[in-house]
Amino acid sequence: MDKRIIGNLLLILGIGLFVGGAVGYVTEQLPVEQISGIGALALIFVGTGASMKKAKQ
């Protein structure tokens, strides 16, 4: 697979985690203790995906 495709997938996964965590927090479906972990994972995925997309240019 091309690194840009993997970067796009990681970026989408990170954004999905971020939005899912925010929705879970607002609707009180997730405990507050899990929100920081979900946010950290989302940030890692978004950062890795963005750097993989940028490295090809």
PDB file of N, CA and C in Angstrom:
ATOM      1  N   MET A   1       0.831  -1.185   0.000  1.00  0.00           N
ATOM      2  CA  MET A   1       0.000   0.000   0.000  1.00  0.00           C
ATOM      3  C   MET A   1       0.873   1.246   0.000  1.00  0.00           C
ATOM      4  N   ASP A   2       0.365   2.238  -0.604  1.00  0.00           N
ATOM      5  CA  ASP A   2       1.052   3.513  -0.643  1.00  0.00           C
ATOM      6  C   ASP A   2       0.952   4.186   0.733  1.00  0.00           C
ATOM      7  N   LYS A   3       2.000   4.910   1.121  1.00  0.00           N
ATOM      8  CA  LYS A   3       1.993   5.561   2.428  1.00  0.00           C
ATOM      9  C   LYS A   3       0.909   6.629   2.550  1.00  0.00           C
ATOM     10  N   ARG A   4       0.542   7.230   1.431  1.00  0.00           N
ATOM     11  CA  ARG A   4      -0.512   8.250   1.485  1.00  0.00           C
ATOM     12  C   ARG A   4      -1.856   7.623   1.814  1.00  0.00           C
ATOM     13  N   ILE A   5      -2.103   6.405   1.309  1.00  0.00           N
ATOM     14  CA  ILE A   5      -3.359   5.719   1.611  1.00  0.00           C
ATOM     15  C   ILE A   5      -3.412   5.348   3.088  1.00  0.00           C
ATOM     16  N   ILE A   6      -2.311   4.841   3.608  1.00  0.00           N
ATOM     17  CA  ILE A   6      -2.258   4.500   5.032  1.00  0.00           C
ATOM     18  C   ILE A   6      -2.400   5.761   5.873  1.00  0.00           C
ATOM     19  N   GLY A   7      -1.766   6.854   5.442  1.00  0.00           N
ATOM     20  CA  GLY A   7      -1.898   8.131   6.146  1.00  0.00           C
ATOM     21  C   GLY A   7      -3.333   8.611   6.172  1.00  0.00           C
ATOM     22  N   ASN A   8      -4.033   8.464   5.046  1.00  0.00           N
ATOM     23  CA  ASN A   8      -5.447   8.859   4.999  1.00  0.00           C
ATOM     24  C   ASN A   8      -6.278   8.012   5.953  1.00  0.00           C
ATOM     25  N   LEU A   9      -6.020   6.707   5.981  1.00  0.00           N
ATOM     26  CA  LEU A   9      -6.775   5.829   6.882  1.00  0.00           C
ATOM     27  C   LEU A   9      -6.536   6.175   8.345  1.00  0.00           C
ATOM     28  N   LEU A  10      -5.284   6.449   8.696  1.00  0.00           N
ATOM     29  CA  LEU A  10      -4.982   6.829  10.080  1.00  0.00           C
ATOM     30  C   LEU A  10      -5.618   8.170  10.433  1.00  0.00           C
ATOM     31  N   LEU A  11      -5.615   9.079   9.492  1.00  0.00           N
ATOM     32  CA  LEU A  11      -6.237  10.384   9.724  1.00  0.00           C
ATOM     33  C   LEU A  11      -7.739  10.241   9.939  1.00  0.00           C
ATOM     34  N   ILE A  12      -8.390   9.431   9.125  1.00  0.00           N
ATOM     35  CA  ILE A  12      -9.829   9.201   9.280  1.00  0.00           C
ATOM     36  C   ILE A  12     -10.124   8.498  10.604  1.00  0.00           C
ATOM     37  N   LEU A  13      -9.291   7.523  10.967  1.00  0.00           N
ATOM     38  CA  LEU A  13      -9.480   6.817  12.230  1.00  0.00           C
ATOM     39  C   LEU A  13      -9.329   7.763  13.423  1.00  0.00           C
ATOM     40  N   GLY A  14      -8.330   8.640  13.372  1.00  0.00           N
ATOM     41  CA  GLY A  14      -8.128   9.600  14.455  1.00  0.00           C
ATOM     42  C   GLY A  14      -9.275  10.581  14.592  1.00  0.00           C
ATOM     43  N   ILE A  15      -9.767  11.068  13.466  1.00  0.00           N
ATOM     44  CA  ILE A  15     -10.902  11.996  13.500  1.00  0.00           C
ATOM     45  C   ILE A  15     -12.151  11.284  14.011  1.00  0.00           C
ATOM     46  N   GLY A  16     -12.328  10.035  13.593  1.00  0.00           N
ATOM     47  CA  GLY A  16     -13.462   9.245  14.079  1.00  0.00           C
ATOM     48  C   GLY A  16     -13.398   9.009  15.577  1.00  0.00           C
ATOM     49  N   LEU A  17     -12.203   8.714  16.086  1.00  0.00           N
ATOM     50  CA  LEU A  17     -12.050   8.540  17.530  1.00  0.00           C
ATOM     51  C   LEU A  17     -12.361   9.833  18.275  1.00  0.00           C
ATOM     52  N   PHE A  18     -11.873  10.944  17.745  1.00  0.00           N
ATOM     53  CA  PHE A  18     -12.112  12.228  18.392  1.00  0.00           C
ATOM     54  C   PHE A  18     -13.596  12.555  18.444  1.00  0.00           C
ATOM     55  N   VAL A  19     -14.263  12.407  17.305  1.00  0.00           N
ATOM     56  CA  VAL A  19     -15.697  12.708  17.246  1.00  0.00           C
ATOM     57  C   VAL A  19     -16.485  11.720  18.104  1.00  0.00           C
ATOM     58  N   GLY A  20     -16.119  10.447  18.039  1.00  0.00           N
ATOM     59  CA  GLY A  20     -16.804   9.442  18.860  1.00  0.00           C
ATOM     60  C   GLY A  20     -16.628   9.693  20.353  1.00  0.00           C
ATOM     61  N   GLY A  21     -15.437  10.082  20.751  1.00  0.00           N
ATOM     62  CA  GLY A  21     -15.204  10.400  22.161  1.00  0.00           C
ATOM     63  C   GLY A  21     -15.985  11.624  22.605  1.00  0.00           C
ATOM     64  N   ALA A  22     -16.050  12.628  21.739  1.00  0.00           N
ATOM     65  CA  ALA A  22     -16.807  13.838  22.078  1.00  0.00           C
ATOM     66  C   ALA A  22     -18.297  13.533  22.201  1.00  0.00           C
ATOM     67  N   VAL A  23     -18.814  12.743  21.266  1.00  0.00           N
ATOM     68  CA  VAL A  23     -20.234  12.380  21.317  1.00  0.00           C
ATOM     69  C   VAL A  23     -20.517  11.524  22.549  1.00  0.00           C
ATOM     70  N   GLY A  24     -19.623  10.596  22.852  1.00  0.00           N
ATOM     71  CA  GLY A  24     -19.791   9.758  24.037  1.00  0.00           C
ATOM     72  C   GLY A  24     -19.746  10.560  25.327  1.00  0.00           C
ATOM     73  N   TYR A  25     -18.913  11.592  25.354  1.00  0.00           N
ATOM     74  CA  TYR A  25     -18.834  12.441  26.543  1.00  0.00           C
ATOM     75  C   TYR A  25     -20.084  13.305  26.693  1.00  0.00           C
ATOM     76  N   VAL A  26     -20.530  13.899  25.592  1.00  0.00           N
ATOM     77  CA  VAL A  26     -21.699  14.783  25.638  1.00  0.00           C
ATOM     78  C   VAL A  26     -22.957  14.005  26.007  1.00  0.00           C
ATOM     79  N   THR A  27     -23.090  12.803  25.467  1.00  0.00           N
ATOM     80  CA  THR A  27     -24.275  11.995  25.766  1.00  0.00           C
ATOM     81  C   THR A  27     -24.119  11.178  27.040  1.00  0.00           C
ATOM     82  N   GLU A  28     -22.993  11.332  27.722  1.00  0.00           N
ATOM     83  CA  GLU A  28     -22.678  10.663  28.992  1.00  0.00           C
ATOM     84  C   GLU A  28     -22.687   9.138  28.868  1.00  0.00           C
ATOM     85  N   GLN A  29     -22.268   8.630  27.705  1.00  0.00           N
ATOM     86  CA  GLN A  29     -22.151   7.187  27.500  1.00  0.00           C
ATOM     87  C   GLN A  29     -20.781   6.676  27.936  1.00  0.00           C
ATOM     88  N   LEU A  30     -19.776   7.553  27.961  1.00  0.00           N
ATOM     89  CA  LEU A  30     -18.420   7.175  28.353  1.00  0.00           C
ATOM     90  C   LEU A  30     -18.063   7.824  29.680  1.00  0.00           C
ATOM     91  N   PRO A  31     -17.349   7.094  30.537  1.00  0.00           N
ATOM     92  CA  PRO A  31     -16.873   7.719  31.779  1.00  0.00           C
ATOM     93  C   PRO A  31     -15.799   8.775  31.482  1.00  0.00           C
ATOM     94  N   VAL A  32     -15.678   9.718  32.367  1.00  0.00           N
ATOM     95  CA  VAL A  32     -14.724  10.813  32.189  1.00  0.00           C
ATOM     96  C   VAL A  32     -13.287  10.278  32.136  1.00  0.00           C
ATOM     97  N   GLU A  33     -13.010   9.181  32.820  1.00  0.00           N
ATOM     98  CA  GLU A  33     -11.660   8.634  32.863  1.00  0.00           C
ATOM     99  C   GLU A  33     -11.206   8.130  31.494  1.00  0.00           C
ATOM    100  N   GLN A  34     -12.119   7.717  30.644  1.00  0.00           N
ATOM    101  CA  GLN A  34     -11.754   7.179  29.332  1.00  0.00           C
ATOM    102  C   GLN A  34     -11.571   8.256  28.279  1.00  0.00           C
ATOM    103  N   ILE A  35     -12.074   9.438  28.526  1.00  0.00           N
ATOM    104  CA  ILE A  35     -12.016  10.504  27.530  1.00  0.00           C
ATOM    105  C   ILE A  35     -10.577  10.912  27.239  1.00  0.00           C
ATOM    106  N   SER A  36      -9.726  11.014  28.255  1.00  0.00           N
ATOM    107  CA  SER A  36      -8.342  11.424  28.018  1.00  0.00           C
ATOM    108  C   SER A  36      -7.584  10.378  27.209  1.00  0.00           C
ATOM    109  N   GLY A  37      -7.835   9.108  27.443  1.00  0.00           N
ATOM    110  CA  GLY A  37      -7.191   8.056  26.663  1.00  0.00           C
ATOM    111  C   GLY A  37      -7.631   8.056  25.218  1.00  0.00           C
ATOM    112  N   ILE A  38      -8.921   8.242  24.997  1.00  0.00           N
ATOM    113  CA  ILE A  38      -9.440   8.303  23.633  1.00  0.00           C
ATOM    114  C   ILE A  38      -8.878   9.531  22.913  1.00  0.00           C
ATOM    115  N   GLY A  39      -8.804  10.649  23.610  1.00  0.00           N
ATOM    116  CA  GLY A  39      -8.238  11.858  23.008  1.00  0.00           C
ATOM    117  C   GLY A  39      -6.766  11.696  22.665  1.00  0.00           C
ATOM    118  N   ALA A  40      -6.016  11.008  23.537  1.00  0.00           N
ATOM    119  CA  ALA A  40      -4.599  10.781  23.266  1.00  0.00           C
ATOM    120  C   ALA A  40      -4.416   9.874  22.053  1.00  0.00           C
ATOM    121  N   LEU A  41      -5.198   8.816  21.958  1.00  0.00           N
ATOM    122  CA  LEU A  41      -5.116   7.933  20.793  1.00  0.00           C
ATOM    123  C   LEU A  41      -5.493   8.674  19.510  1.00  0.00           C
ATOM    124  N   ALA A  42      -6.540   9.493  19.594  1.00  0.00           N
ATOM    125  CA  ALA A  42      -6.957  10.258  18.421  1.00  0.00           C
ATOM    126  C   ALA A  42      -5.846  11.205  17.974  1.00  0.00           C
ATOM    127  N   LEU A  43      -5.187  11.852  18.922  1.00  0.00           N
ATOM    128  CA  LEU A  43      -4.102  12.770  18.591  1.00  0.00           C
ATOM    129  C   LEU A  43      -2.929  12.028  17.963  1.00  0.00           C
ATOM    130  N   ILE A  44      -2.602  10.845  18.467  1.00  0.00           N
ATOM    131  CA  ILE A  44      -1.516  10.050  17.897  1.00  0.00           C
ATOM    132  C   ILE A  44      -1.844   9.645  16.466  1.00  0.00           C
ATOM    133  N   PHE A  45      -3.076   9.162  16.236  1.00  0.00           N
ATOM    134  CA  PHE A  45      -3.462   8.738  14.897  1.00  0.00           C
ATOM    135  C   PHE A  45      -3.487   9.901  13.917  1.00  0.00           C
ATOM    136  N   VAL A  46      -4.010  11.042  14.338  1.00  0.00           N
ATOM    137  CA  VAL A  46      -4.063  12.208  13.455  1.00  0.00           C
ATOM    138  C   VAL A  46      -2.650  12.699  13.142  1.00  0.00           C
ATOM    139  N   GLY A  47      -1.797  12.763  14.137  1.00  0.00           N
ATOM    140  CA  GLY A  47      -0.416  13.210  13.907  1.00  0.00           C
ATOM    141  C   GLY A  47       0.358  12.272  13.011  1.00  0.00           C
ATOM    142  N   THR A  48       0.213  10.978  13.229  1.00  0.00           N
ATOM    143  CA  THR A  48       0.908  10.004  12.398  1.00  0.00           C
ATOM    144  C   THR A  48       0.373  10.025  10.966  1.00  0.00           C
ATOM    145  N   GLY A  49      -0.945  10.081  10.826  1.00  0.00           N
ATOM    146  CA  GLY A  49      -1.533  10.126   9.491  1.00  0.00           C
ATOM    147  C   GLY A  49      -1.133  11.368   8.725  1.00  0.00           C
ATOM    148  N   ALA A  50      -1.119  12.499   9.397  1.00  0.00           N
ATOM    149  CA  ALA A  50      -0.734  13.746   8.727  1.00  0.00           C
ATOM    150  C   ALA A  50       0.735  13.726   8.330  1.00  0.00           C
ATOM    151  N   SER A  51       1.598  13.175   9.167  1.00  0.00           N
ATOM    152  CA  SER A  51       3.008  13.134   8.821  1.00  0.00           C
ATOM    153  C   SER A  51       3.279  12.137   7.697  1.00  0.00           C
ATOM    154  N   MET A  52       2.518  11.054   7.624  1.00  0.00           N
ATOM    155  CA  MET A  52       2.694  10.087   6.535  1.00  0.00           C
ATOM    156  C   MET A  52       2.239  10.680   5.208  1.00  0.00           C
ATOM    157  N   LYS A  53       1.188  11.462   5.221  1.00  0.00           N
ATOM    158  CA  LYS A  53       0.723  12.108   3.992  1.00  0.00           C
ATOM    159  C   LYS A  53       1.716  13.171   3.535  1.00  0.00           C
ATOM    160  N   LYS A  54       2.310  13.884   4.481  1.00  0.00           N
ATOM    161  CA  LYS A  54       3.203  14.975   4.152  1.00  0.00           C
ATOM    162  C   LYS A  54       4.566  14.473   3.692  1.00  0.00           C
ATOM    163  N   ALA A  55       5.017  13.322   4.170  1.00  0.00           N
ATOM    164  CA  ALA A  55       6.338  12.812   3.838  1.00  0.00           C
ATOM    165  C   ALA A  55       6.494  12.512   2.358  1.00  0.00           C
ATOM    166  N   LYS A  56       5.427  12.201   1.689  1.00  0.00           N
ATOM    167  CA  LYS A  56       5.484  11.837   0.275  1.00  0.00           C
ATOM    168  C   LYS A  56       5.718  13.049  -0.627  1.00  0.00           C
ATOM    169  N   GLN A  57       5.324  14.231  -0.172  1.00  0.00           N
ATOM    170  CA  GLN A  57       5.412  15.436  -1.010  1.00  0.00           C
ATOM    171  C   GLN A  57       6.807  15.938  -1.135  1.00  0.00           C
TER     172      GLN A  57
END
